[in-house]
Amino acid sequence: MNPKTDQAPAVDRDEELLERAAETATAMRMEVAKRIVGQREVIDEMLTALLANGHALLVGVPGLAKTLLVHTVAQALDLAFSRIQFTPDLMPTDITGTEVIEEDRTTGRRVFRFVKGPIFANIVLADEINRTPPKTQAALLEAMQERAVTAAGETYRLPPPFFVLATQNPIEQEGTYPLPEAQLDRFMLELPIHYPTREEEEEVAMRTTGEGEQEVRAVISAQELIELQGLVRRIPAPPSLVSFAVRMARATRPGEEAASVTSRYVAWGAGPRASQYLVLGAKARAASRGAALPSYDDVRSVAPAVLAHRLVLNFEAEADGRTTRDVIHELLEESRGWT
C-alpha cells in the first residue's frame, strides 16, 4: 500500500470541497439578498455557524426581519424547516413531542406511541425564544447539545444536519424571560440585528410595497452541507492559532490571565466552549472564502459573536454604561500585541 497514492484522492476531494464552500457562500449571499436588504455581516456569521455545525441566536427589537432572515436562509438550503413560536403557554412537549395511546383495532391492545414534535427538523426556528418561561426553554438543552431527544426513557436522534436558529427580543421589553447561562452557552454565536441605514430602509420600503417577491432557490443539499462540515473539521489549525484563541477566551476570565478591561468590568468570563468555537469559527470563515488555513483575523472576526453572550459584567460596567461588546472591542485591541 502506498500512503502517497492513498492520500492523494482525499486531498483532491478536500480541494474540491474548499472551492464548493466558497461557491456556496457566494450563492447563499446572493439568494438571501433577494429578500433581505443589508445585514451582510449577519448573513456571513450565520453561514459560519452553519459550516461549523453550531447554533445561532439573533437579537433585536421586533420588526427588523429576524424571522424572515432565518426563513430565507432555510429556503436557500435544501433542508427540512420547522418554526416554533415561543409563547408563555408553550409546554416542553410542544417542542420535543409526546406519547399518545393507540389502540390496535384487531386485538384491542393499547400501546404508547411517540409522536415527534417540531424539533425533528434540520433547521428549527425558535421564534422569540425568550417569551416562554425557562422550563420550556430547557426543552432545547439536550437537543442543542446532544442532537437527540429523550422521552419515556428512549432516545431519538435528530436528523443531521441540525441547527437551532433562535430569535430573541431585548430583555428590557415586556413579557420576556432572560435566557439561563446554560442555555446561552449552547449557542455558538450571538448576532445583533441593528436598524437599517436610511438607504437600506428606503430599499425595504420599495421592495415590500411593490408586486410580488423574488423566489429563493436552494443552493446546497443536506448531504453536501454535511460534507462541508466535515471539511471544516479537517482544516488544520496551527498550534499558534489555537494558543491565541485559548488566550483570548482565558483573558475574559477574572484572574491572573485576565485582560486589563476584564479585571475592571467582568464578573464572569467565557468557559472552554468559547475556545472551541473561536477555533471552529475561524476554520469555517476560512472555508467560506476557500482558504486552506484560518488566520488570526478569522479568530478576531468571530470573537464578538462567540464571546458576547458568555460574559457577565459587574456593577462598575453598568455604572459606566459598558456593554459586553465594548469589553470585547477593547480586548481585541489588546490582542493585537499578542502576535
Protein backbone atom coordinates (compact mmCIF):
# COMPACT_ATOMS: atom_id res chain seq x y z
CA MET A 1 0.00 0.00 0.00
CA ASN A 2 1.39 3.36 -0.99
CA PRO A 3 0.42 6.09 1.54
CA LYS A 4 1.08 8.85 -1.00
CA THR A 5 -1.33 7.46 -3.61
CA ASP A 6 -3.92 6.66 -0.91
CA GLN A 7 -3.83 10.22 0.42
CA ALA A 8 -3.95 11.91 -2.98
CA PRO A 9 -7.68 11.30 -3.69
CA ALA A 10 -8.61 12.61 -0.23
CA VAL A 11 -6.50 15.75 -0.73
CA ASP A 12 -8.04 16.34 -4.18
CA ARG A 13 -11.53 15.88 -2.73
CA ASP A 14 -10.86 18.42 0.03
CA GLU A 15 -9.62 20.92 -2.54
CA GLU A 16 -12.86 20.44 -4.45
CA LEU A 17 -14.85 20.90 -1.25
CA LEU A 18 -12.98 24.11 -0.43
CA GLU A 19 -13.98 25.50 -3.81
CA ARG A 20 -17.54 24.30 -3.20
CA ALA A 21 -17.60 26.02 0.20
CA ALA A 22 -16.59 29.36 -1.32
CA GLU A 23 -19.11 28.95 -4.15
CA THR A 24 -21.85 28.09 -1.65
CA ALA A 25 -21.05 31.14 0.47
CA THR A 26 -21.29 33.44 -2.56
CA ALA A 27 -24.51 31.80 -3.78
CA MET A 28 -26.06 31.99 -0.29
CA ARG A 29 -25.37 35.73 -0.06
CA MET A 30 -26.96 36.28 -3.47
CA GLU A 31 -30.07 34.27 -2.68
CA VAL A 32 -30.62 35.81 0.75
CA ALA A 33 -30.13 39.30 -0.73
CA LYS A 34 -33.25 38.69 -2.83
CA ARG A 35 -35.33 39.06 0.33
CA ILE A 36 -33.05 40.76 2.88
CA VAL A 37 -31.62 44.24 2.41
CA GLY A 38 -28.22 44.78 4.04
CA GLN A 39 -27.26 42.66 7.08
CA ARG A 40 -24.23 41.31 5.16
CA GLU A 41 -22.23 40.69 8.32
CA VAL A 42 -25.10 38.82 10.00
CA ILE A 43 -25.56 36.63 6.92
CA ASP A 44 -21.83 35.80 6.86
CA GLU A 45 -21.92 34.90 10.56
CA MET A 46 -24.97 32.68 10.07
CA LEU A 47 -23.06 30.93 7.27
CA THR A 48 -20.15 30.48 9.68
CA ALA A 49 -22.48 28.81 12.19
CA LEU A 50 -23.93 26.51 9.52
CA LEU A 51 -20.50 25.38 8.29
CA ALA A 52 -19.30 24.88 11.86
CA ASN A 53 -22.47 22.95 12.76
CA GLY A 54 -23.31 25.43 15.51
CA HIS A 55 -26.46 27.22 16.68
CA ALA A 56 -27.05 30.97 16.41
CA LEU A 57 -29.09 33.48 18.41
CA LEU A 58 -30.36 36.61 16.64
CA VAL A 59 -31.09 39.51 18.98
CA GLY A 60 -33.03 42.64 18.05
CA VAL A 61 -36.22 44.59 18.53
CA PRO A 62 -39.38 43.46 16.71
CA GLY A 63 -39.74 44.43 13.07
CA LEU A 64 -36.15 44.00 11.90
CA ALA A 65 -36.88 40.90 9.76
CA LYS A 66 -35.15 38.39 12.07
CA THR A 67 -37.75 35.72 11.31
CA LEU A 68 -37.71 36.49 7.58
CA LEU A 69 -33.91 36.24 7.57
CA VAL A 70 -33.94 32.76 9.15
CA HIS A 71 -36.75 31.59 6.87
CA THR A 72 -34.89 32.86 3.80
CA VAL A 73 -31.67 31.12 4.84
CA ALA A 74 -33.67 27.91 5.28
CA GLN A 75 -35.09 28.28 1.78
CA ALA A 76 -31.58 28.69 0.37
CA LEU A 77 -30.71 25.33 1.93
CA ASP A 78 -32.47 22.18 0.76
CA LEU A 79 -33.31 21.20 4.34
CA ALA A 80 -36.41 20.39 6.39
CA PHE A 81 -37.54 23.56 8.16
CA SER A 82 -39.68 23.95 11.26
CA ARG A 83 -40.83 27.06 13.10
CA ILE A 84 -41.74 27.09 16.79
CA GLN A 85 -43.45 30.23 18.07
CA PHE A 86 -42.37 30.55 21.70
CA THR A 87 -45.23 31.86 23.84
CA PRO A 88 -45.82 31.98 27.63
CA ASP A 89 -48.16 28.96 27.49
CA LEU A 90 -45.84 26.75 25.39
CA MET A 91 -45.05 23.41 27.04
CA PRO A 92 -41.83 21.33 26.65
CA THR A 93 -43.78 18.52 24.94
CA ASP A 94 -44.99 21.04 22.35
CA ILE A 95 -41.36 21.20 21.24
CA THR A 96 -39.99 17.70 21.68
CA GLY A 97 -43.12 15.64 21.13
CA THR A 98 -45.27 13.46 23.34
CA GLU A 99 -46.51 9.91 23.80
CA VAL A 100 -50.06 9.09 22.78
CA ILE A 101 -52.13 5.97 23.41
CA GLU A 102 -53.11 3.97 20.35
CA GLU A 103 -55.47 1.02 20.28
CA ASP A 104 -55.00 -1.94 17.97
CA ARG A 105 -58.46 -2.47 16.48
CA THR A 106 -57.76 -6.16 15.87
CA THR A 107 -56.55 -7.15 19.35
CA GLY A 108 -57.92 -4.28 21.39
CA ARG A 109 -54.46 -3.80 22.92
CA ARG A 110 -53.41 -0.29 23.82
CA VAL A 111 -49.83 0.87 23.32
CA PHE A 112 -47.93 4.12 23.66
CA ARG A 113 -46.51 5.72 20.53
CA PHE A 114 -44.14 8.70 20.48
CA VAL A 115 -45.32 11.50 18.21
CA LYS A 116 -42.34 13.63 17.20
CA GLY A 117 -42.54 17.38 17.79
CA PRO A 118 -41.35 20.23 15.56
CA ILE A 119 -37.80 19.92 16.94
CA PHE A 120 -37.36 17.00 14.49
CA ALA A 121 -36.21 19.07 11.53
CA ASN A 122 -32.89 20.18 10.04
CA ILE A 123 -33.36 23.89 10.72
CA VAL A 124 -35.51 24.86 13.69
CA LEU A 125 -36.54 28.48 14.05
CA ALA A 126 -37.11 29.15 17.75
CA ASP A 127 -39.03 32.38 17.29
CA GLU A 128 -38.93 34.84 20.22
CA ILE A 129 -37.31 32.20 22.39
CA ASN A 130 -37.24 34.40 25.47
CA ARG A 131 -41.01 34.89 25.56
CA THR A 132 -41.50 31.46 27.13
CA PRO A 133 -40.55 30.51 30.72
CA PRO A 134 -37.18 28.84 31.47
CA LYS A 135 -38.87 25.44 32.00
CA THR A 136 -39.89 25.35 28.34
CA GLN A 137 -36.63 26.89 27.14
CA ALA A 138 -34.85 23.97 28.82
CA ALA A 139 -36.56 21.56 26.42
CA LEU A 140 -33.96 22.64 23.86
CA LEU A 141 -30.91 21.88 26.01
CA GLU A 142 -30.50 18.19 25.15
CA ALA A 143 -31.44 18.74 21.51
CA MET A 144 -28.87 21.51 21.04
CA GLN A 145 -26.03 19.72 22.81
CA GLU A 146 -26.62 16.04 22.10
CA ARG A 147 -28.74 16.45 18.95
CA ALA A 148 -31.19 13.99 20.44
CA VAL A 149 -34.46 13.93 22.38
CA THR A 150 -35.17 11.58 25.28
CA ALA A 151 -38.77 10.68 26.04
CA ALA A 152 -40.07 7.94 28.34
CA GLY A 153 -36.58 6.52 28.71
CA GLU A 154 -35.93 6.23 24.97
CA THR A 155 -33.55 8.44 22.99
CA TYR A 156 -34.44 9.62 19.50
CA ARG A 157 -31.70 11.02 17.27
CA LEU A 158 -32.37 14.26 15.43
CA PRO A 159 -31.83 14.30 11.64
CA PRO A 160 -28.43 15.69 10.57
CA PRO A 161 -27.62 18.42 9.90
CA PHE A 162 -29.44 20.04 12.83
CA PHE A 163 -29.44 23.74 13.69
CA VAL A 164 -31.37 25.92 16.10
CA LEU A 165 -31.59 29.47 14.80
CA ALA A 166 -33.35 31.44 17.52
CA THR A 167 -34.63 35.00 17.64
CA GLN A 168 -34.73 36.98 20.85
CA ASN A 169 -36.22 40.33 21.78
CA PRO A 170 -34.23 42.61 24.09
CA ILE A 171 -34.82 41.56 27.70
CA GLU A 172 -35.86 45.10 28.59
CA GLN A 173 -39.14 44.55 26.72
CA GLU A 174 -42.36 43.43 28.39
CA GLY A 175 -43.13 39.72 28.60
CA THR A 176 -39.59 38.40 28.24
CA TYR A 177 -37.61 35.94 30.35
CA PRO A 178 -33.79 36.09 30.47
CA LEU A 179 -32.18 33.01 28.92
CA PRO A 180 -30.25 31.00 31.56
CA GLU A 181 -26.46 30.94 31.14
CA ALA A 182 -26.56 27.19 30.36
CA GLN A 183 -28.98 27.87 27.52
CA LEU A 184 -26.95 30.78 26.15
CA ASP A 185 -23.78 28.70 26.20
CA ARG A 186 -25.37 26.22 23.77
CA PHE A 187 -25.41 28.91 21.09
CA MET A 188 -22.20 29.18 19.14
CA LEU A 189 -22.89 32.77 18.06
CA GLU A 190 -24.98 35.70 19.24
CA LEU A 191 -25.80 38.03 16.35
CA PRO A 192 -27.20 41.51 17.00
CA ILE A 193 -29.66 42.81 14.39
CA HIS A 194 -29.50 46.60 14.06
CA TYR A 195 -31.77 49.15 12.45
CA PRO A 196 -31.12 49.58 8.71
CA THR A 197 -29.44 52.66 7.28
CA ARG A 198 -31.63 55.29 5.59
CA GLU A 199 -30.73 53.91 2.14
CA GLU A 200 -31.46 50.33 3.21
CA GLU A 201 -34.79 51.31 4.75
CA GLU A 202 -35.80 53.10 1.55
CA GLU A 203 -34.94 49.92 -0.39
CA VAL A 204 -37.01 47.83 2.07
CA ALA A 205 -39.97 50.16 1.60
CA MET A 206 -39.66 49.94 -2.18
CA ARG A 207 -39.45 46.14 -2.22
CA THR A 208 -42.21 45.41 0.27
CA THR A 209 -44.78 47.76 -1.25
CA GLY A 210 -44.38 46.53 -4.81
CA GLU A 211 -45.72 43.48 -6.63
CA GLY A 212 -44.61 40.02 -5.53
CA GLU A 213 -41.17 38.97 -4.37
CA GLN A 214 -38.25 37.09 -5.88
CA GLU A 215 -38.12 33.33 -5.46
CA VAL A 216 -35.23 31.97 -3.37
CA ARG A 217 -33.65 28.82 -4.75
CA ALA A 218 -31.82 26.15 -2.77
CA VAL A 219 -28.06 26.25 -3.33
CA ILE A 220 -26.93 23.19 -1.35
CA SER A 221 -28.38 19.88 -0.19
CA ALA A 222 -28.26 18.31 3.27
CA GLN A 223 -25.61 15.78 2.26
CA GLU A 224 -23.42 18.44 0.66
CA LEU A 225 -23.66 20.57 3.79
CA ILE A 226 -22.64 17.61 5.96
CA GLU A 227 -19.61 17.11 3.69
CA LEU A 228 -18.63 20.77 4.07
CA GLN A 229 -18.98 20.50 7.85
CA GLY A 230 -16.61 17.54 7.74
CA LEU A 231 -14.20 19.60 5.67
CA VAL A 232 -14.25 22.40 8.27
CA ARG A 233 -13.28 19.86 10.92
CA ARG A 234 -10.38 18.63 8.77
CA ILE A 235 -8.95 22.09 8.10
CA PRO A 236 -5.76 22.23 10.19
CA ALA A 237 -5.43 24.90 12.87
CA PRO A 238 -1.80 25.87 13.59
CA PRO A 239 -0.85 25.41 17.27
CA SER A 240 -0.05 29.12 17.47
CA LEU A 241 -3.58 30.00 16.35
CA VAL A 242 -5.14 27.58 18.86
CA SER A 243 -2.97 29.12 21.57
CA PHE A 244 -4.13 32.59 20.51
CA ALA A 245 -7.81 31.57 20.67
CA VAL A 246 -7.39 29.96 24.09
CA ARG A 247 -5.56 33.01 25.39
CA MET A 248 -8.38 35.24 24.19
CA ALA A 249 -11.02 33.14 25.96
CA ARG A 250 -8.97 32.96 29.16
CA ALA A 251 -8.40 36.73 29.04
CA THR A 252 -12.15 37.21 29.59
CA ARG A 253 -11.98 35.48 33.00
CA PRO A 254 -11.07 37.46 36.12
CA GLY A 255 -7.76 36.18 37.47
CA GLU A 256 -4.07 36.02 36.61
CA GLU A 257 -4.56 35.81 32.83
CA ALA A 258 -7.30 38.46 32.65
CA ALA A 259 -7.02 41.40 30.29
CA SER A 260 -7.00 44.82 31.92
CA VAL A 261 -10.55 45.55 30.74
CA THR A 262 -11.67 42.21 32.19
CA SER A 263 -10.28 42.97 35.63
CA ARG A 264 -12.27 46.18 35.71
CA TYR A 265 -15.60 45.22 34.18
CA VAL A 266 -16.14 41.43 34.06
CA ALA A 267 -17.67 39.37 36.86
CA TRP A 268 -17.77 36.06 35.00
CA GLY A 269 -15.89 35.11 31.83
CA ALA A 270 -16.26 32.67 28.96
CA GLY A 271 -15.77 28.93 29.51
CA PRO A 272 -13.78 26.39 27.49
CA ARG A 273 -16.57 26.07 24.93
CA ALA A 274 -15.66 29.59 23.80
CA SER A 275 -12.12 28.46 22.95
CA GLN A 276 -13.52 25.62 20.86
CA TYR A 277 -15.91 27.90 18.99
CA LEU A 278 -13.23 30.52 18.33
CA VAL A 279 -11.10 27.88 16.58
CA LEU A 280 -14.03 26.22 14.82
CA GLY A 281 -15.49 29.56 13.75
CA ALA A 282 -12.11 30.64 12.35
CA LYS A 283 -11.94 27.41 10.34
CA ALA A 284 -15.47 27.94 9.00
CA ARG A 285 -14.68 31.51 7.94
CA ALA A 286 -11.56 30.28 6.16
CA ALA A 287 -13.57 27.61 4.35
CA SER A 288 -16.22 30.13 3.27
CA ARG A 289 -13.60 32.04 1.29
CA GLY A 290 -11.84 28.92 0.01
CA ALA A 291 -8.77 29.24 2.25
CA ALA A 292 -6.97 26.11 3.46
CA LEU A 293 -5.82 27.67 6.75
CA PRO A 294 -7.54 30.02 9.24
CA SER A 295 -5.81 33.23 10.30
CA TYR A 296 -5.61 35.33 13.45
CA ASP A 297 -8.01 37.78 11.81
CA ASP A 298 -10.51 34.94 11.40
CA VAL A 299 -10.38 34.39 15.15
CA ARG A 300 -10.80 38.12 15.80
CA SER A 301 -13.73 38.25 13.35
CA VAL A 302 -15.76 35.61 15.16
CA ALA A 303 -14.73 36.71 18.68
CA PRO A 304 -17.54 39.25 19.31
CA ALA A 305 -20.28 36.79 18.29
CA VAL A 306 -18.67 33.92 20.22
CA LEU A 307 -17.88 35.81 23.43
CA ALA A 308 -20.59 38.47 23.84
CA HIS A 309 -23.26 36.22 25.37
CA ARG A 310 -20.75 34.38 27.55
CA LEU A 311 -19.63 37.35 29.64
CA VAL A 312 -21.35 38.63 32.77
CA LEU A 313 -20.44 42.21 33.57
CA ASN A 314 -20.15 43.71 37.06
CA PHE A 315 -21.77 46.76 38.63
CA GLU A 316 -18.93 49.04 37.59
CA ALA A 317 -19.57 48.20 33.92
CA GLU A 318 -23.24 49.00 34.37
CA ALA A 319 -22.40 52.29 36.09
CA ASP A 320 -20.02 53.24 33.27
CA GLY A 321 -22.54 52.23 30.59
CA ARG A 322 -20.31 49.49 29.16
CA THR A 323 -21.70 46.53 27.21
CA THR A 324 -20.12 43.14 26.60
CA ARG A 325 -19.37 44.21 23.03
CA ASP A 326 -17.49 47.25 24.36
CA VAL A 327 -15.39 44.99 26.57
CA ILE A 328 -14.66 42.60 23.69
CA HIS A 329 -13.67 45.50 21.43
CA GLU A 330 -11.05 46.61 23.98
CA LEU A 331 -9.90 43.01 24.36
CA LEU A 332 -9.44 42.70 20.59
CA GLU A 333 -7.36 45.86 20.52
CA GLU A 334 -5.17 44.47 23.30
CA SER A 335 -4.85 41.12 21.47
CA ARG A 336 -3.07 42.76 18.54
CA GLY A 337 0.01 42.92 20.70
CA TRP A 338 -0.03 39.16 21.28
CA THR A 339 1.00 38.17 17.76
